[in-house]
Protein backbone atom coordinates (compact mmCIF):
# COMPACT_ATOMS: atom_id res chain seq x y z
CA MET A 1 -16.96 -10.39 22.51
CA SER A 2 -15.63 -7.07 23.47
CA ALA A 3 -14.88 -4.46 20.41
CA LEU A 4 -11.22 -5.03 19.20
CA HIS A 5 -9.64 -2.06 16.84
CA GLU A 6 -6.37 -1.98 14.75
CA ILE A 7 -4.94 0.74 12.72
CA ALA A 8 -4.53 0.11 9.08
CA PRO A 9 -1.42 2.43 7.74
CA ALA A 10 -1.33 2.70 4.04
CA LYS A 11 1.99 1.96 1.95
CA ILE A 12 3.85 3.67 -0.96
CA ASN A 13 6.03 2.11 -3.67
CA LEU A 14 9.28 3.70 -3.23
CA GLY A 15 10.65 2.26 -6.63
CA LEU A 16 9.10 -0.54 -8.63
CA THR A 17 10.71 -2.79 -11.11
CA LEU A 18 9.03 -4.67 -13.44
CA GLY A 19 9.69 -8.21 -14.84
CA PRO A 20 7.92 -10.66 -16.99
CA VAL A 21 4.50 -12.21 -16.61
CA ARG A 22 4.04 -15.69 -14.96
CA GLY A 23 1.91 -18.24 -15.52
CA ASP A 24 -0.67 -16.97 -13.34
CA GLY A 25 -1.06 -13.52 -15.23
CA ARG A 26 0.51 -11.78 -13.11
CA HIS A 27 4.01 -9.67 -13.38
CA GLU A 28 7.19 -10.47 -11.49
CA LEU A 29 8.48 -7.18 -9.96
CA VAL A 30 10.64 -5.85 -7.35
CA THR A 31 9.52 -2.83 -5.07
CA VAL A 32 9.93 -1.31 -1.49
CA MET A 33 6.86 -1.05 0.27
CA GLN A 34 7.03 1.35 2.99
CA PRO A 35 3.63 1.91 5.16
CA VAL A 36 3.38 5.64 6.00
CA ALA A 37 1.03 7.22 8.70
CA LEU A 38 -2.04 8.17 6.76
CA CYS A 39 -4.24 5.49 8.22
CA ASP A 40 -7.52 3.97 8.19
CA SER A 41 -8.87 2.74 11.25
CA VAL A 42 -10.80 -0.73 12.00
CA ARG A 43 -13.11 -2.18 14.57
CA LEU A 44 -14.71 -5.06 15.17
CA THR A 45 -17.77 -5.43 17.35
CA PRO A 46 -20.30 -7.97 17.83
CA ALA A 47 -23.18 -7.85 14.76
CA GLY A 48 -26.39 -6.60 16.05
CA LEU A 49 -29.63 -8.58 16.77
CA GLY A 50 -31.16 -10.24 13.89
CA ALA A 51 -27.98 -9.99 12.10
CA SER A 52 -27.79 -12.71 8.72
CA GLY A 53 -23.98 -12.95 9.21
CA ASP A 54 -20.80 -10.67 9.13
CA GLU A 55 -21.48 -6.87 8.01
CA VAL A 56 -18.73 -4.52 6.84
CA HIS A 57 -19.60 -1.00 6.95
CA CYS A 58 -17.01 1.41 5.37
CA PRO A 59 -18.46 4.83 3.88
CA GLY A 60 -17.24 5.79 0.23
CA VAL A 61 -16.32 1.97 -0.59
CA THR A 62 -19.32 0.31 -3.12
CA GLY A 63 -19.61 -3.13 -3.88
CA GLU A 64 -18.29 -5.84 -1.87
CA ASN A 65 -15.74 -4.93 0.34
CA LEU A 66 -12.12 -6.46 0.49
CA ALA A 67 -12.37 -6.33 4.03
CA LEU A 68 -15.72 -8.55 3.92
CA ALA A 69 -13.77 -11.40 1.79
CA ALA A 70 -10.97 -11.45 4.18
CA LEU A 71 -12.93 -12.06 7.01
CA ARG A 72 -14.91 -14.95 4.67
CA ASP A 73 -11.78 -16.20 3.79
CA PHE A 74 -10.53 -16.44 7.57
CA ARG A 75 -13.68 -18.48 8.35
CA ALA A 76 -13.19 -20.53 6.02
CA ARG A 77 -9.55 -21.44 6.57
CA SER A 78 -9.43 -21.36 10.30
CA GLY A 79 -12.79 -23.07 11.13
CA TRP A 80 -13.90 -19.92 13.36
CA THR A 81 -17.25 -20.19 13.90
CA GLY A 82 -17.58 -17.61 16.30
CA ALA A 83 -21.00 -15.31 16.05
CA ALA A 84 -21.31 -12.74 13.63
CA VAL A 85 -19.16 -9.74 13.84
CA ARG A 86 -19.80 -6.19 12.59
CA ILE A 87 -16.66 -4.29 11.09
CA GLU A 88 -16.60 -0.61 11.19
CA ILE A 89 -13.97 1.11 8.84
CA ASP A 90 -12.88 5.02 9.19
CA LYS A 91 -11.77 5.52 5.97
CA ARG A 92 -8.50 8.27 6.01
CA ILE A 93 -6.60 6.32 3.07
CA PRO A 94 -7.84 8.08 -0.28
CA VAL A 95 -9.82 5.24 -2.36
CA ALA A 96 -8.42 4.29 -5.63
CA ALA A 97 -5.34 5.82 -5.12
CA GLY A 98 -2.83 3.26 -5.57
CA MET A 99 -1.82 3.33 -1.71
CA ALA A 100 -3.26 -0.51 -0.62
CA GLY A 101 -6.23 1.44 1.26
CA GLY A 102 -8.59 -2.02 0.61
CA SER A 103 -5.40 -4.13 1.34
CA ALA A 104 -4.54 -2.32 4.49
CA ASP A 105 -8.18 -2.64 5.58
CA ALA A 106 -8.17 -6.87 4.59
CA ALA A 107 -5.11 -7.06 6.54
CA ALA A 108 -6.27 -5.36 9.64
CA VAL A 109 -9.61 -7.39 9.55
CA LEU A 110 -7.53 -10.46 9.28
CA ARG A 111 -5.45 -9.38 12.45
CA LEU A 112 -8.91 -8.37 14.45
CA ALA A 113 -10.37 -11.66 13.11
CA ALA A 114 -6.99 -13.80 14.52
CA ARG A 115 -7.21 -11.85 17.93
CA ALA A 116 -10.91 -12.73 18.23
CA ALA A 117 -10.48 -16.41 17.42
CA SER A 118 -7.62 -16.55 19.91
CA VAL A 119 -5.54 -17.71 16.36
CA HIS A 120 -1.62 -16.81 16.60
CA ASP A 121 -0.36 -18.17 12.78
CA ASP A 122 0.94 -15.29 11.20
CA GLU A 123 1.98 -17.79 8.62
CA MET A 124 -1.61 -18.75 7.84
CA LEU A 125 -2.94 -15.08 7.66
CA ARG A 126 -0.46 -14.13 4.99
CA GLU A 127 -1.62 -17.54 2.73
CA ILE A 128 -5.10 -16.13 3.16
CA ALA A 129 -3.99 -12.42 2.29
CA ALA A 130 -1.93 -14.12 -0.52
CA GLY A 131 -5.54 -15.10 -1.87
CA LEU A 132 -7.00 -11.49 -1.52
CA GLY A 133 -4.60 -9.61 -3.51
CA ALA A 134 -0.89 -8.97 -3.87
CA ASP A 135 -0.62 -5.75 -1.68
CA VAL A 136 -2.55 -7.57 1.19
CA PRO A 137 0.17 -10.15 2.74
CA ALA A 138 2.97 -6.91 3.51
CA GLN A 139 -0.02 -5.60 5.24
CA VAL A 140 -0.79 -8.22 8.16
CA ARG A 141 2.16 -7.05 9.95
CA PRO A 142 2.79 -3.61 8.14
CA ARG A 143 6.75 -2.55 7.77
CA ARG A 144 9.45 -1.91 5.49
CA TYR A 145 9.66 -4.63 3.16
CA LEU A 146 11.62 -5.83 -0.05
CA ALA A 147 8.62 -7.63 -2.09
CA THR A 148 9.50 -9.62 -4.97
CA GLY A 149 7.12 -12.61 -6.74
CA ALA A 150 4.08 -10.32 -7.51
CA GLY A 151 4.48 -8.63 -4.50
CA GLU A 152 3.63 -11.43 -2.30
CA ARG A 153 7.21 -12.56 -1.10
CA LEU A 154 8.66 -10.44 1.74
CA HIS A 155 12.04 -9.77 2.83
CA ALA A 156 11.87 -7.61 5.86
CA LEU A 157 13.94 -4.49 5.71
CA PRO A 158 15.35 -2.47 8.69
CA ASP A 159 13.36 0.59 9.83
CA PRO A 160 14.16 3.38 8.01
CA ALA A 161 15.49 6.57 9.44
CA PRO A 162 12.52 9.42 9.55
CA PHE A 163 12.00 11.07 6.04
CA GLY A 164 9.30 13.40 4.86
CA ILE A 165 6.87 12.15 1.83
CA LEU A 166 4.26 14.69 0.13
CA VAL A 167 1.16 12.94 -1.31
CA LEU A 168 -0.29 14.13 -4.22
CA ARG A 169 -3.50 12.47 -5.47
CA ALA A 170 -5.46 12.86 -8.55
CA ALA A 171 -8.67 14.17 -9.58
CA PHE A 172 -9.28 10.58 -11.35
CA GLY A 173 -8.34 6.90 -11.04
CA LEU A 174 -6.24 4.53 -12.97
CA SER A 175 -7.08 1.11 -13.81
CA THR A 176 -4.02 -1.10 -12.51
CA GLY A 177 -5.18 -3.59 -15.22
CA ASP A 178 -4.92 -1.23 -17.59
CA VAL A 179 -1.47 0.22 -16.64
CA PHE A 180 0.15 -3.11 -16.78
CA ARG A 181 -1.25 -4.06 -20.12
CA GLU A 182 0.06 -0.50 -20.93
CA ALA A 183 3.38 -1.20 -20.10
CA ASP A 184 3.61 -4.72 -21.94
CA ARG A 185 2.50 -3.05 -25.21
CA LEU A 186 5.19 -0.41 -24.69
CA GLY A 187 7.90 -3.19 -23.94
CA LEU A 188 8.73 -2.15 -20.48
CA PRO A 189 9.24 -5.55 -18.45
CA ARG A 190 12.74 -6.90 -17.80
CA SER A 191 14.18 -10.06 -17.70
CA GLY A 192 14.59 -11.99 -14.45
CA ALA A 193 17.91 -11.69 -14.41
CA ALA A 194 17.32 -7.89 -14.37
CA LEU A 195 15.26 -8.28 -11.27
CA GLU A 196 17.18 -10.77 -9.23
CA ALA A 197 20.22 -7.96 -9.67
CA ARG A 198 17.59 -5.04 -8.63
CA SER A 199 16.59 -7.16 -5.78
CA ALA A 200 19.86 -7.50 -4.59
CA ASP A 201 21.19 -3.83 -4.76
CA LEU A 202 17.94 -2.49 -2.84
CA ALA A 203 18.27 -4.96 -0.03
CA ALA A 204 21.97 -3.89 0.36
CA ALA A 205 21.19 -0.46 -0.15
CA LEU A 206 18.58 -0.39 2.58
CA ALA A 207 20.23 -2.78 4.63
CA ALA A 208 21.25 -0.18 7.39
CA GLY A 209 18.25 1.74 7.69
CA SER A 210 18.70 4.00 4.76
CA PRO A 211 15.59 6.31 4.32
CA LEU A 212 16.02 6.10 0.63
CA ALA A 213 17.73 3.76 -2.20
CA PRO A 214 20.08 5.66 -4.61
CA GLY A 215 18.17 7.46 -7.37
CA ASP A 216 18.91 4.99 -9.74
CA LEU A 217 17.01 2.27 -7.60
CA LEU A 218 13.95 4.46 -7.01
CA LEU A 219 12.74 4.36 -10.76
CA ASN A 220 9.31 3.13 -11.24
CA ASP A 221 9.14 1.00 -14.70
CA LEU A 222 4.94 1.73 -14.65
CA GLU A 223 5.76 5.29 -14.62
CA PRO A 224 5.88 5.56 -18.69
CA ALA A 225 2.54 3.58 -19.09
CA ALA A 226 0.77 5.56 -16.67
CA LEU A 227 2.16 8.49 -18.18
CA SER A 228 0.91 7.17 -21.56
CA LEU A 229 -2.44 6.84 -20.46
CA ARG A 230 -2.64 10.20 -18.13
CA PRO A 231 0.08 12.45 -20.03
CA GLU A 232 -1.34 15.21 -17.29
CA LEU A 233 0.48 13.68 -14.47
CA GLY A 234 3.78 14.94 -16.09
CA ALA A 235 2.98 18.76 -15.27
CA ALA A 236 2.01 17.20 -12.03
CA LEU A 237 5.66 15.29 -11.55
CA GLU A 238 7.08 18.28 -12.41
CA GLU A 239 5.11 20.28 -9.82
CA VAL A 240 6.39 18.43 -7.29
CA ARG A 241 9.80 18.26 -8.33
CA ALA A 242 9.95 22.24 -8.27
CA THR A 243 9.14 22.10 -4.35
CA GLY A 244 12.44 20.89 -3.56
CA ALA A 245 11.73 17.04 -3.44
CA VAL A 246 14.87 15.01 -3.02
CA HIS A 247 12.88 12.60 -5.88
CA ALA A 248 9.17 12.27 -7.38
CA LEU A 249 7.37 9.57 -8.78
CA ILE A 250 4.30 7.63 -9.34
CA CYS A 251 3.59 5.69 -6.68
CA GLY A 252 2.62 1.89 -8.17
CA SER A 253 0.28 1.91 -11.02
CA GLY A 254 -0.87 5.51 -9.90
CA PRO A 255 -2.42 7.81 -10.21
CA THR A 256 -0.56 9.07 -6.93
CA ILE A 257 2.61 10.77 -7.16
CA ILE A 258 4.77 10.96 -4.11
CA GLY A 259 7.47 13.35 -3.37
CA LEU A 260 10.39 12.11 -1.01
CA TYR A 261 12.38 14.78 1.27
CA PRO A 262 14.82 14.62 4.09
CA ASP A 263 12.18 15.47 6.75
CA LEU A 264 8.71 16.01 7.22
CA GLU A 265 9.03 19.96 7.52
CA GLY A 266 10.25 19.84 3.55
CA ALA A 267 7.12 18.07 2.71
CA ARG A 268 4.65 20.02 4.71
CA ALA A 269 6.15 23.28 2.98
CA ALA A 270 5.39 21.33 -0.22
CA ALA A 271 2.22 20.70 0.63
CA ALA A 272 1.74 24.01 1.45
CA ALA A 273 2.85 25.54 -1.74
CA LEU A 274 0.59 22.95 -3.67
CA GLY A 275 -2.29 23.98 -1.20
CA ASP A 276 -4.66 25.13 -4.10
CA ARG A 277 -4.64 21.90 -5.95
CA ASP A 278 -8.06 19.18 -5.39
CA PRO A 279 -7.24 16.68 -4.22
CA ARG A 280 -5.31 19.01 -1.64
CA PRO A 281 -1.87 17.18 -1.21
CA VAL A 282 -0.83 15.50 2.34
CA ALA A 283 2.36 15.39 4.11
CA VAL A 284 3.38 12.38 6.01
CA GLU A 285 6.24 10.43 7.21
CA PRO A 286 6.88 6.59 7.61
CA TRP A 287 4.92 4.81 9.89
CA TYR A 288 6.80 2.08 12.34
CA PRO A 289 5.74 -0.83 13.66
CA PHE A 290 4.53 -0.58 17.28
CA SER A 291 4.76 3.29 16.80
CA LEU A 292 2.61 5.62 18.49
CA ARG A 293 2.43 7.85 15.86
CA ASP A 294 0.06 5.90 13.57
CA VAL A 295 -3.02 8.46 12.91
CA SER A 296 -3.48 10.63 9.88
CA LEU A 297 -1.21 13.85 9.95
């Protein structure tokens, strides 16, 4: 087996509408998932001599990596009995930043395993991905999606026209579970009917490849919960707005904040203006399927 390589782009949530809790304990939601050109690099090679099984090496990530679970589940579901492999992940997506870096890596491993096993069944890959986490199915074939359910039901949207994105990370993490529990405590979830209306409005607004939906559709219902747990995020949001962002919002459950600009140069100017922050902000643009511009900026 020769070495195989995949790019794993991060994703951001362009707004998020929160709905009621479903039977499996997850919340219904509506969001637009946008891959961005901040990417991990994932490589599959044969495991070394004496290896007892598949291995995943990912500096900076402790505990069992979701990528290893993806490989294990792929073998179980597909029946692939190929020799043990080694997965090496070069991390560029920030860890625990709400940008689905672990999900992106897991999805890239599913693509790599499918290539190694000569499996051509994206539906099976997405079913495996759904068992790994709500963000993983959209990363199996990264592109802009309107996501519903708990994030696993995907409607492909046209690729957007270019725009600029400022990624402002926090020096601390936020537990996704804690943010959803706080949202429930604050009574933030909307009705199922409200979710259906928001889904239709977003699909219509982005049907022609518009880079961004109108501002009233870019709201993140989880933002008040994240601010309740970490009020200091409010000051960071104001800093991003002061750079001239068209929109500024907490990405998903946070704590990462994103600023949206008409073009990449605007995002780069904002990153320079906030360059004394730690961690330093990053300016990126959308990642496009089959794009050669798939590297970290």
